[in-house]
Amino acid sequence: MRMKLYVARHGQTTANTEEIICGITDASLNPQGIDQAKQLGEELRKIQFDLIFSSPLKRAYLTGDIVCAKQACPNIKDERLTEINFGKFEGMPKSTPEFYEFKRNHGVRYPGGETYFEVVTRVYNFINELKEKYPDKTILLVCHSGIIRTINTYFHDCDNDEIFNYVAGNCELIEYPEL
């Protein structure tokens, strides 16, 4: 058996509904987000995970905890699953034009934040480590849309527009080919 990887985005937050940039800002799940996480946990009961890794940010970690309530494995925090640091754009409206200029330029550092290439490095290293350490395990990662966008590029060739436009929905589950 080879490693099987599933990825889920955290449940909904108020920042999501208000279209606020929320990278490393530690937003909590709103009531709908908690319901989404519970529904995801129910849906995932049919899959037995060996390991669940979550971003340490509240919205993802709580989603992972809710899913873990239906599983016989721990929810392990891993910093490498933390959303991209959008620097000065944290807390601003997503409609901020300057934000999209930075978002389209993967090698440019968000002022006070990080570059998309830095995110790619940490996420790819994490996936490679999982493949090495857990070659026969079924694993769930609970994280953020930007991290899921990056994971998607690990498995699929994507041009810049595909990367820019890829968005995972709240508590959306993605299954990747065996590694």
N, C-alpha and C. Protein backbone atom coordinates (compact mmCIF):
# COMPACT_ATOMS: atom_id res chain seq x y z
N MET A 1 0.84 -1.19 0.00
CA MET A 1 0.00 0.00 0.00
C MET A 1 0.87 1.25 0.00
N ARG A 2 0.46 2.25 -0.73
CA ARG A 2 1.18 3.51 -0.78
C ARG A 2 0.43 4.57 0.02
N MET A 3 1.12 5.65 0.36
CA MET A 3 0.49 6.72 1.13
C MET A 3 -0.70 7.30 0.37
N LYS A 4 -1.77 7.54 1.10
CA LYS A 4 -2.97 8.15 0.55
C LYS A 4 -3.15 9.49 1.24
N LEU A 5 -3.31 10.56 0.45
CA LEU A 5 -3.38 11.91 1.02
C LEU A 5 -4.72 12.56 0.70
N TYR A 6 -5.34 13.06 1.76
CA TYR A 6 -6.57 13.86 1.65
C TYR A 6 -6.26 15.23 2.24
N VAL A 7 -6.91 16.24 1.69
CA VAL A 7 -6.71 17.61 2.17
C VAL A 7 -8.07 18.26 2.31
N ALA A 8 -8.27 18.98 3.40
CA ALA A 8 -9.51 19.72 3.61
C ALA A 8 -9.19 21.14 4.06
N ARG A 9 -9.99 22.07 3.58
CA ARG A 9 -9.88 23.44 4.06
C ARG A 9 -10.69 23.57 5.34
N HIS A 10 -10.30 24.50 6.17
CA HIS A 10 -11.00 24.80 7.42
C HIS A 10 -12.43 25.26 7.14
N GLY A 11 -13.24 25.25 8.19
CA GLY A 11 -14.61 25.77 8.09
C GLY A 11 -14.63 27.29 7.96
N GLN A 12 -15.80 27.78 7.71
CA GLN A 12 -16.00 29.21 7.46
C GLN A 12 -15.69 30.08 8.69
N THR A 13 -15.15 31.27 8.41
CA THR A 13 -14.88 32.28 9.43
C THR A 13 -15.62 33.56 9.04
N THR A 14 -15.70 34.47 9.98
CA THR A 14 -16.30 35.78 9.67
C THR A 14 -15.46 36.49 8.62
N ALA A 15 -14.15 36.35 8.67
CA ALA A 15 -13.28 36.97 7.65
C ALA A 15 -13.64 36.45 6.26
N ASN A 16 -14.00 35.16 6.15
CA ASN A 16 -14.42 34.62 4.85
C ASN A 16 -15.69 35.32 4.36
N THR A 17 -16.67 35.43 5.23
CA THR A 17 -17.96 36.00 4.81
C THR A 17 -17.85 37.49 4.53
N GLU A 18 -16.92 38.17 5.20
CA GLU A 18 -16.75 39.61 5.00
C GLU A 18 -15.70 39.93 3.95
N GLU A 19 -15.14 38.89 3.30
CA GLU A 19 -14.14 39.09 2.24
C GLU A 19 -12.93 39.88 2.76
N ILE A 20 -12.40 39.45 3.91
CA ILE A 20 -11.24 40.08 4.53
C ILE A 20 -10.03 39.17 4.33
N ILE A 21 -8.89 39.75 4.02
CA ILE A 21 -7.65 38.99 3.85
C ILE A 21 -7.23 38.45 5.22
N CYS A 22 -7.10 37.14 5.28
CA CYS A 22 -6.85 36.48 6.56
C CYS A 22 -5.84 35.37 6.35
N GLY A 23 -4.58 35.74 6.27
CA GLY A 23 -3.53 34.74 6.13
C GLY A 23 -3.17 34.17 7.49
N ILE A 24 -2.18 34.80 8.14
CA ILE A 24 -1.75 34.31 9.46
C ILE A 24 -2.58 34.89 10.60
N THR A 25 -3.55 35.75 10.27
CA THR A 25 -4.46 36.25 11.30
C THR A 25 -5.21 35.05 11.87
N ASP A 26 -5.25 34.96 13.18
CA ASP A 26 -5.78 33.75 13.83
C ASP A 26 -7.28 33.84 14.06
N ALA A 27 -8.04 33.81 12.98
CA ALA A 27 -9.50 33.90 13.04
C ALA A 27 -10.11 32.58 13.50
N SER A 28 -11.23 32.69 14.21
CA SER A 28 -11.95 31.51 14.68
C SER A 28 -13.05 31.12 13.70
N LEU A 29 -13.51 29.89 13.82
CA LEU A 29 -14.65 29.45 13.03
C LEU A 29 -15.90 30.20 13.51
N ASN A 30 -16.78 30.54 12.57
CA ASN A 30 -18.08 31.07 12.96
C ASN A 30 -19.03 29.88 13.14
N PRO A 31 -20.26 30.10 13.59
CA PRO A 31 -21.17 28.96 13.80
C PRO A 31 -21.37 28.08 12.55
N GLN A 32 -21.46 28.70 11.39
CA GLN A 32 -21.59 27.90 10.18
C GLN A 32 -20.33 27.07 9.93
N GLY A 33 -19.17 27.65 10.23
CA GLY A 33 -17.91 26.92 10.08
C GLY A 33 -17.83 25.71 10.99
N ILE A 34 -18.34 25.84 12.20
CA ILE A 34 -18.38 24.70 13.12
C ILE A 34 -19.30 23.62 12.57
N ASP A 35 -20.45 24.03 12.05
CA ASP A 35 -21.38 23.06 11.43
C ASP A 35 -20.74 22.37 10.23
N GLN A 36 -20.02 23.14 9.41
CA GLN A 36 -19.33 22.56 8.25
C GLN A 36 -18.31 21.53 8.70
N ALA A 37 -17.56 21.84 9.75
CA ALA A 37 -16.55 20.91 10.25
C ALA A 37 -17.20 19.63 10.78
N LYS A 38 -18.32 19.77 11.47
CA LYS A 38 -19.04 18.58 11.96
C LYS A 38 -19.53 17.73 10.80
N GLN A 39 -20.04 18.39 9.77
CA GLN A 39 -20.51 17.65 8.59
C GLN A 39 -19.34 16.94 7.90
N LEU A 40 -18.20 17.61 7.80
CA LEU A 40 -17.00 16.99 7.22
C LEU A 40 -16.59 15.78 8.05
N GLY A 41 -16.60 15.92 9.37
CA GLY A 41 -16.26 14.79 10.24
C GLY A 41 -17.17 13.60 10.00
N GLU A 42 -18.45 13.85 9.84
CA GLU A 42 -19.40 12.76 9.55
C GLU A 42 -19.09 12.12 8.20
N GLU A 43 -18.83 12.96 7.21
CA GLU A 43 -18.50 12.46 5.87
C GLU A 43 -17.25 11.59 5.88
N LEU A 44 -16.29 11.97 6.71
CA LEU A 44 -15.00 11.27 6.73
C LEU A 44 -15.00 10.03 7.62
N ARG A 45 -16.10 9.74 8.28
CA ARG A 45 -16.17 8.53 9.13
C ARG A 45 -15.91 7.27 8.31
N LYS A 46 -16.22 7.32 7.03
CA LYS A 46 -16.03 6.14 6.18
C LYS A 46 -14.56 5.88 5.83
N ILE A 47 -13.70 6.85 6.14
CA ILE A 47 -12.27 6.72 5.87
C ILE A 47 -11.54 6.64 7.21
N GLN A 48 -10.68 5.66 7.36
CA GLN A 48 -9.90 5.55 8.60
C GLN A 48 -8.53 6.19 8.37
N PHE A 49 -8.32 7.32 9.01
CA PHE A 49 -7.04 8.02 8.89
C PHE A 49 -6.06 7.49 9.92
N ASP A 50 -4.81 7.38 9.50
CA ASP A 50 -3.74 7.03 10.43
C ASP A 50 -3.22 8.27 11.13
N LEU A 51 -3.21 9.38 10.39
CA LEU A 51 -2.68 10.63 10.92
C LEU A 51 -3.49 11.80 10.38
N ILE A 52 -3.68 12.81 11.22
CA ILE A 52 -4.28 14.07 10.79
C ILE A 52 -3.32 15.17 11.21
N PHE A 53 -2.93 15.99 10.25
CA PHE A 53 -2.07 17.14 10.51
C PHE A 53 -2.88 18.39 10.20
N SER A 54 -2.79 19.39 11.08
CA SER A 54 -3.52 20.63 10.89
C SER A 54 -2.59 21.83 11.06
N SER A 55 -2.95 22.89 10.37
CA SER A 55 -2.32 24.18 10.62
C SER A 55 -2.58 24.55 12.08
N PRO A 56 -1.64 25.23 12.73
CA PRO A 56 -1.87 25.63 14.12
C PRO A 56 -2.84 26.80 14.27
N LEU A 57 -3.23 27.44 13.17
CA LEU A 57 -4.19 28.55 13.28
C LEU A 57 -5.55 28.01 13.70
N LYS A 58 -6.23 28.73 14.59
CA LYS A 58 -7.47 28.26 15.22
C LYS A 58 -8.48 27.69 14.23
N ARG A 59 -8.71 28.37 13.14
CA ARG A 59 -9.76 27.95 12.20
C ARG A 59 -9.48 26.57 11.63
N ALA A 60 -8.23 26.26 11.37
CA ALA A 60 -7.88 24.95 10.82
C ALA A 60 -7.75 23.90 11.93
N TYR A 61 -7.11 24.28 13.03
CA TYR A 61 -6.90 23.30 14.10
C TYR A 61 -8.23 22.85 14.71
N LEU A 62 -9.16 23.78 14.90
CA LEU A 62 -10.47 23.40 15.44
C LEU A 62 -11.21 22.51 14.45
N THR A 63 -11.12 22.82 13.17
CA THR A 63 -11.73 21.95 12.16
C THR A 63 -11.14 20.55 12.28
N GLY A 64 -9.82 20.46 12.40
CA GLY A 64 -9.16 19.17 12.56
C GLY A 64 -9.60 18.45 13.83
N ASP A 65 -9.75 19.19 14.93
CA ASP A 65 -10.22 18.58 16.18
C ASP A 65 -11.62 18.00 16.04
N ILE A 66 -12.48 18.74 15.36
CA ILE A 66 -13.86 18.27 15.16
C ILE A 66 -13.86 16.99 14.32
N VAL A 67 -13.03 16.96 13.28
CA VAL A 67 -12.91 15.75 12.45
C VAL A 67 -12.33 14.61 13.28
N CYS A 68 -11.34 14.91 14.12
CA CYS A 68 -10.69 13.88 14.95
C CYS A 68 -11.66 13.22 15.93
N ALA A 69 -12.70 13.93 16.30
CA ALA A 69 -13.69 13.35 17.22
C ALA A 69 -14.33 12.10 16.62
N LYS A 70 -14.28 11.97 15.30
CA LYS A 70 -14.84 10.80 14.61
C LYS A 70 -13.76 9.81 14.19
N GLN A 71 -12.53 10.07 14.59
CA GLN A 71 -11.39 9.24 14.17
C GLN A 71 -10.64 8.73 15.40
N ALA A 72 -9.85 7.69 15.20
CA ALA A 72 -9.04 7.14 16.29
C ALA A 72 -7.58 7.55 16.13
N CYS A 73 -7.36 8.81 15.81
CA CYS A 73 -5.99 9.30 15.65
C CYS A 73 -5.91 10.74 16.14
N PRO A 74 -4.71 11.19 16.47
CA PRO A 74 -4.56 12.55 16.98
C PRO A 74 -4.58 13.60 15.87
N ASN A 75 -4.83 14.83 16.27
CA ASN A 75 -4.72 16.00 15.40
C ASN A 75 -3.39 16.66 15.73
N ILE A 76 -2.45 16.61 14.80
CA ILE A 76 -1.08 17.08 15.02
C ILE A 76 -0.89 18.44 14.37
N LYS A 77 -0.48 19.43 15.16
CA LYS A 77 -0.20 20.76 14.61
C LYS A 77 1.11 20.74 13.84
N ASP A 78 1.11 21.39 12.68
CA ASP A 78 2.36 21.54 11.94
C ASP A 78 2.40 22.94 11.33
N GLU A 79 3.42 23.70 11.72
CA GLU A 79 3.58 25.09 11.28
C GLU A 79 3.64 25.23 9.76
N ARG A 80 4.12 24.20 9.09
CA ARG A 80 4.28 24.29 7.63
C ARG A 80 2.94 24.37 6.90
N LEU A 81 1.86 24.07 7.61
CA LEU A 81 0.52 24.16 7.02
C LEU A 81 -0.14 25.52 7.30
N THR A 82 0.58 26.41 7.97
CA THR A 82 0.06 27.75 8.24
C THR A 82 -0.14 28.49 6.92
N GLU A 83 -1.22 29.26 6.84
CA GLU A 83 -1.51 30.04 5.62
C GLU A 83 -0.37 31.02 5.35
N ILE A 84 -0.29 31.46 4.11
CA ILE A 84 0.72 32.44 3.72
C ILE A 84 0.57 33.72 4.55
N ASN A 85 1.69 34.31 4.88
CA ASN A 85 1.71 35.57 5.61
C ASN A 85 1.58 36.70 4.60
N PHE A 86 0.42 37.34 4.58
CA PHE A 86 0.15 38.42 3.63
C PHE A 86 0.66 39.77 4.12
N GLY A 87 1.39 39.78 5.22
CA GLY A 87 2.03 41.00 5.70
C GLY A 87 1.05 42.14 5.91
N LYS A 88 1.36 43.29 5.32
CA LYS A 88 0.55 44.50 5.55
C LYS A 88 -0.89 44.36 5.06
N PHE A 89 -1.17 43.33 4.26
CA PHE A 89 -2.53 43.16 3.73
C PHE A 89 -3.45 42.41 4.69
N GLU A 90 -2.89 41.82 5.74
CA GLU A 90 -3.71 41.09 6.73
C GLU A 90 -4.79 42.03 7.26
N GLY A 91 -6.03 41.58 7.24
CA GLY A 91 -7.15 42.35 7.77
C GLY A 91 -7.75 43.35 6.81
N MET A 92 -7.17 43.49 5.62
CA MET A 92 -7.71 44.43 4.63
C MET A 92 -8.76 43.73 3.76
N PRO A 93 -9.60 44.49 3.09
CA PRO A 93 -10.58 43.87 2.17
C PRO A 93 -9.87 43.15 1.03
N LYS A 94 -10.42 42.01 0.63
CA LYS A 94 -9.82 41.26 -0.49
C LYS A 94 -9.85 42.06 -1.78
N SER A 95 -10.71 43.05 -1.86
CA SER A 95 -10.82 43.87 -3.07
C SER A 95 -9.70 44.89 -3.20
N THR A 96 -8.78 44.95 -2.25
CA THR A 96 -7.66 45.88 -2.30
C THR A 96 -6.83 45.62 -3.56
N PRO A 97 -6.82 46.55 -4.53
CA PRO A 97 -6.13 46.30 -5.81
C PRO A 97 -4.66 45.93 -5.66
N GLU A 98 -3.94 46.60 -4.78
CA GLU A 98 -2.51 46.33 -4.60
C GLU A 98 -2.27 44.89 -4.16
N PHE A 99 -3.19 44.33 -3.37
CA PHE A 99 -3.07 42.95 -2.90
C PHE A 99 -2.99 41.99 -4.10
N TYR A 100 -3.83 42.19 -5.10
CA TYR A 100 -3.84 41.29 -6.26
C TYR A 100 -2.60 41.43 -7.12
N GLU A 101 -1.99 42.61 -7.10
CA GLU A 101 -0.72 42.78 -7.82
C GLU A 101 0.35 41.88 -7.18
N PHE A 102 0.40 41.86 -5.86
CA PHE A 102 1.36 41.00 -5.16
C PHE A 102 1.00 39.53 -5.33
N LYS A 103 -0.28 39.22 -5.27
CA LYS A 103 -0.72 37.82 -5.36
C LYS A 103 -0.35 37.19 -6.70
N ARG A 104 -0.33 37.97 -7.75
CA ARG A 104 0.00 37.46 -9.08
C ARG A 104 1.51 37.32 -9.31
N ASN A 105 2.30 37.90 -8.45
CA ASN A 105 3.76 37.88 -8.60
C ASN A 105 4.36 36.99 -7.52
N HIS A 106 4.51 35.72 -7.85
CA HIS A 106 4.87 34.71 -6.87
C HIS A 106 6.22 34.92 -6.21
N GLY A 107 7.13 35.60 -6.87
CA GLY A 107 8.46 35.81 -6.30
C GLY A 107 8.59 37.08 -5.49
N VAL A 108 7.51 37.88 -5.45
CA VAL A 108 7.56 39.15 -4.74
C VAL A 108 7.03 38.95 -3.31
N ARG A 109 7.78 39.49 -2.36
CA ARG A 109 7.40 39.36 -0.95
C ARG A 109 6.27 40.34 -0.63
N TYR A 110 5.22 39.80 0.04
CA TYR A 110 4.20 40.70 0.58
C TYR A 110 4.90 41.57 1.62
N PRO A 111 4.72 42.88 1.60
CA PRO A 111 5.41 43.74 2.57
C PRO A 111 5.13 43.27 4.01
N GLY A 112 6.19 42.89 4.71
CA GLY A 112 6.05 42.37 6.07
C GLY A 112 5.64 40.91 6.12
N GLY A 113 5.55 40.25 4.97
CA GLY A 113 5.10 38.86 4.90
C GLY A 113 6.10 37.97 4.21
N GLU A 114 5.61 37.07 3.40
CA GLU A 114 6.47 36.11 2.71
C GLU A 114 6.10 36.04 1.23
N THR A 115 6.91 35.34 0.46
CA THR A 115 6.63 35.14 -0.95
C THR A 115 5.90 33.81 -1.14
N TYR A 116 5.23 33.69 -2.27
CA TYR A 116 4.57 32.42 -2.58
C TYR A 116 5.62 31.31 -2.73
N PHE A 117 6.79 31.65 -3.27
CA PHE A 117 7.85 30.65 -3.42
C PHE A 117 8.29 30.09 -2.07
N GLU A 118 8.30 30.92 -1.03
CA GLU A 118 8.63 30.43 0.31
C GLU A 118 7.57 29.43 0.79
N VAL A 119 6.32 29.72 0.49
CA VAL A 119 5.23 28.81 0.86
C VAL A 119 5.41 27.49 0.12
N VAL A 120 5.69 27.55 -1.18
CA VAL A 120 5.90 26.34 -1.97
C VAL A 120 7.00 25.50 -1.37
N THR A 121 8.10 26.11 -0.99
CA THR A 121 9.23 25.38 -0.41
C THR A 121 8.81 24.64 0.85
N ARG A 122 8.14 25.32 1.77
CA ARG A 122 7.78 24.65 3.04
C ARG A 122 6.73 23.57 2.83
N VAL A 123 5.77 23.80 1.93
CA VAL A 123 4.71 22.81 1.71
C VAL A 123 5.26 21.59 0.95
N TYR A 124 6.06 21.81 -0.07
CA TYR A 124 6.65 20.68 -0.81
C TYR A 124 7.55 19.86 0.11
N ASN A 125 8.35 20.53 0.94
CA ASN A 125 9.21 19.80 1.88
C ASN A 125 8.38 18.97 2.84
N PHE A 126 7.25 19.50 3.28
CA PHE A 126 6.37 18.78 4.18
C PHE A 126 5.80 17.53 3.50
N ILE A 127 5.31 17.67 2.28
CA ILE A 127 4.76 16.51 1.56
C ILE A 127 5.85 15.47 1.33
N ASN A 128 7.02 15.91 0.94
CA ASN A 128 8.13 14.97 0.74
C ASN A 128 8.47 14.23 2.03
N GLU A 129 8.43 14.94 3.15
CA GLU A 129 8.70 14.30 4.45
C GLU A 129 7.62 13.27 4.78
N LEU A 130 6.36 13.61 4.51
CA LEU A 130 5.27 12.65 4.75
C LEU A 130 5.47 11.39 3.92
N LYS A 131 5.84 11.55 2.66
CA LYS A 131 6.07 10.39 1.78
C LYS A 131 7.18 9.50 2.34
N GLU A 132 8.22 10.13 2.88
CA GLU A 132 9.36 9.37 3.41
C GLU A 132 9.02 8.68 4.74
N LYS A 133 8.37 9.39 5.65
CA LYS A 133 8.11 8.87 6.99
C LYS A 133 6.89 7.94 7.06
N TYR A 134 5.91 8.17 6.20
CA TYR A 134 4.63 7.44 6.31
C TYR A 134 4.22 6.86 4.96
N PRO A 135 5.05 6.02 4.37
CA PRO A 135 4.78 5.56 3.00
C PRO A 135 3.53 4.71 2.82
N ASP A 136 3.00 4.18 3.91
CA ASP A 136 1.84 3.29 3.80
C ASP A 136 0.65 3.77 4.62
N LYS A 137 0.60 5.07 4.92
CA LYS A 137 -0.45 5.62 5.79
C LYS A 137 -1.49 6.39 4.99
N THR A 138 -2.66 6.53 5.60
CA THR A 138 -3.72 7.39 5.07
C THR A 138 -3.74 8.64 5.93
N ILE A 139 -3.52 9.79 5.28
CA ILE A 139 -3.29 11.04 5.99
C ILE A 139 -4.27 12.11 5.53
N LEU A 140 -4.75 12.90 6.49
CA LEU A 140 -5.57 14.08 6.21
C LEU A 140 -4.81 15.31 6.65
N LEU A 141 -4.76 16.32 5.78
CA LEU A 141 -4.21 17.62 6.11
C LEU A 141 -5.37 18.60 6.19
N VAL A 142 -5.45 19.37 7.27
CA VAL A 142 -6.49 20.39 7.42
C VAL A 142 -5.77 21.74 7.43
N CYS A 143 -6.07 22.55 6.42
CA CYS A 143 -5.29 23.77 6.26
C CYS A 143 -6.11 24.87 5.60
N HIS A 144 -5.50 25.63 4.74
CA HIS A 144 -6.04 26.88 4.21
C HIS A 144 -6.03 26.86 2.68
N SER A 145 -6.82 27.74 2.10
CA SER A 145 -6.95 27.78 0.65
C SER A 145 -5.60 27.99 -0.04
N GLY A 146 -4.78 28.91 0.48
CA GLY A 146 -3.47 29.15 -0.13
C GLY A 146 -2.56 27.95 -0.05
N ILE A 147 -2.64 27.21 1.03
CA ILE A 147 -1.82 26.00 1.18
C ILE A 147 -2.36 24.91 0.27
N ILE A 148 -3.67 24.80 0.17
CA ILE A 148 -4.27 23.81 -0.73
C ILE A 148 -3.92 24.14 -2.18
N ARG A 149 -3.92 25.41 -2.51
CA ARG A 149 -3.49 25.84 -3.85
C ARG A 149 -2.08 25.33 -4.13
N THR A 150 -1.22 25.43 -3.14
CA THR A 150 0.16 24.98 -3.27
C THR A 150 0.23 23.47 -3.38
N ILE A 151 -0.51 22.75 -2.56
CA ILE A 151 -0.54 21.29 -2.63
C ILE A 151 -1.01 20.85 -4.02
N ASN A 152 -1.99 21.55 -4.55
CA ASN A 152 -2.51 21.24 -5.89
C ASN A 152 -1.40 21.32 -6.94
N THR A 153 -0.49 22.30 -6.79
CA THR A 153 0.61 22.41 -7.77
C THR A 153 1.63 21.29 -7.60
N TYR A 154 1.68 20.67 -6.44
CA TYR A 154 2.57 19.53 -6.22
C TYR A 154 2.12 18.36 -7.10
N PHE A 155 0.82 18.20 -7.25
CA PHE A 155 0.26 17.06 -7.98
C PHE A 155 -0.11 17.37 -9.43
N HIS A 156 -0.31 18.63 -9.75
CA HIS A 156 -0.79 19.00 -11.09
C HIS A 156 0.02 20.18 -11.62
N ASP A 157 0.37 20.11 -12.89
CA ASP A 157 1.01 21.26 -13.53
C ASP A 157 -0.03 22.37 -13.66
N CYS A 158 0.31 23.56 -13.22
CA CYS A 158 -0.61 24.70 -13.25
C CYS A 158 0.13 25.92 -13.78
N ASP A 159 -0.52 26.67 -14.65
CA ASP A 159 0.09 27.94 -15.06
C ASP A 159 -0.27 29.00 -14.02
N ASN A 160 0.28 30.20 -14.18
CA ASN A 160 0.07 31.24 -13.17
C ASN A 160 -1.40 31.57 -12.97
N ASP A 161 -2.19 31.62 -14.05
CA ASP A 161 -3.61 31.93 -13.91
C ASP A 161 -4.35 30.83 -13.15
N GLU A 162 -3.99 29.58 -13.41
CA GLU A 162 -4.63 28.47 -12.69
C GLU A 162 -4.29 28.52 -11.20
N ILE A 163 -3.06 28.85 -10.89
CA ILE A 163 -2.66 28.99 -9.48
C ILE A 163 -3.44 30.14 -8.85
N PHE A 164 -3.46 31.28 -9.52
CA PHE A 164 -4.12 32.48 -9.00
C PHE A 164 -5.60 32.24 -8.74
N ASN A 165 -6.27 31.54 -9.64
CA ASN A 165 -7.73 31.39 -9.57
C ASN A 165 -8.20 30.18 -8.77
N TYR A 166 -7.30 29.30 -8.36
CA TYR A 166 -7.72 28.10 -7.63
C TYR A 166 -8.10 28.47 -6.20
N VAL A 167 -9.31 28.11 -5.81
CA VAL A 167 -9.79 28.37 -4.45
C VAL A 167 -10.54 27.13 -3.98
N ALA A 168 -10.17 26.63 -2.82
CA ALA A 168 -10.90 25.52 -2.20
C ALA A 168 -11.99 26.11 -1.32
N GLY A 169 -13.16 25.52 -1.35
CA GLY A 169 -14.26 25.98 -0.51
C GLY A 169 -14.05 25.57 0.94
N ASN A 170 -14.79 26.22 1.82
CA ASN A 170 -14.70 25.87 3.24
C ASN A 170 -15.14 24.42 3.45
N CYS A 171 -14.29 23.68 4.12
CA CYS A 171 -14.47 22.24 4.42
C CYS A 171 -14.58 21.39 3.15
N GLU A 172 -14.08 21.90 2.05
CA GLU A 172 -14.01 21.09 0.83
C GLU A 172 -12.92 20.03 1.05
N LEU A 173 -13.22 18.82 0.62
CA LEU A 173 -12.28 17.70 0.74
C LEU A 173 -11.72 17.38 -0.63
N ILE A 174 -10.41 17.23 -0.70
CA ILE A 174 -9.73 16.89 -1.94
C ILE A 174 -8.93 15.63 -1.69
N GLU A 175 -9.04 14.70 -2.60
CA GLU A 175 -8.31 13.43 -2.52
C GLU A 175 -7.25 13.43 -3.62
N TYR A 176 -6.03 13.10 -3.24
CA TYR A 176 -4.94 13.08 -4.22
C TYR A 176 -4.54 11.65 -4.51
N PRO A 177 -3.88 11.44 -5.66
CA PRO A 177 -3.45 10.08 -6.01
C PRO A 177 -2.48 9.53 -4.96
N GLU A 178 -2.44 8.22 -4.89
CA GLU A 178 -1.48 7.60 -3.94
C GLU A 178 -0.08 8.00 -4.30
N LEU A 179 0.73 8.21 -3.27
CA LEU A 179 2.13 8.62 -3.45
C LEU A 179 3.06 7.46 -3.26
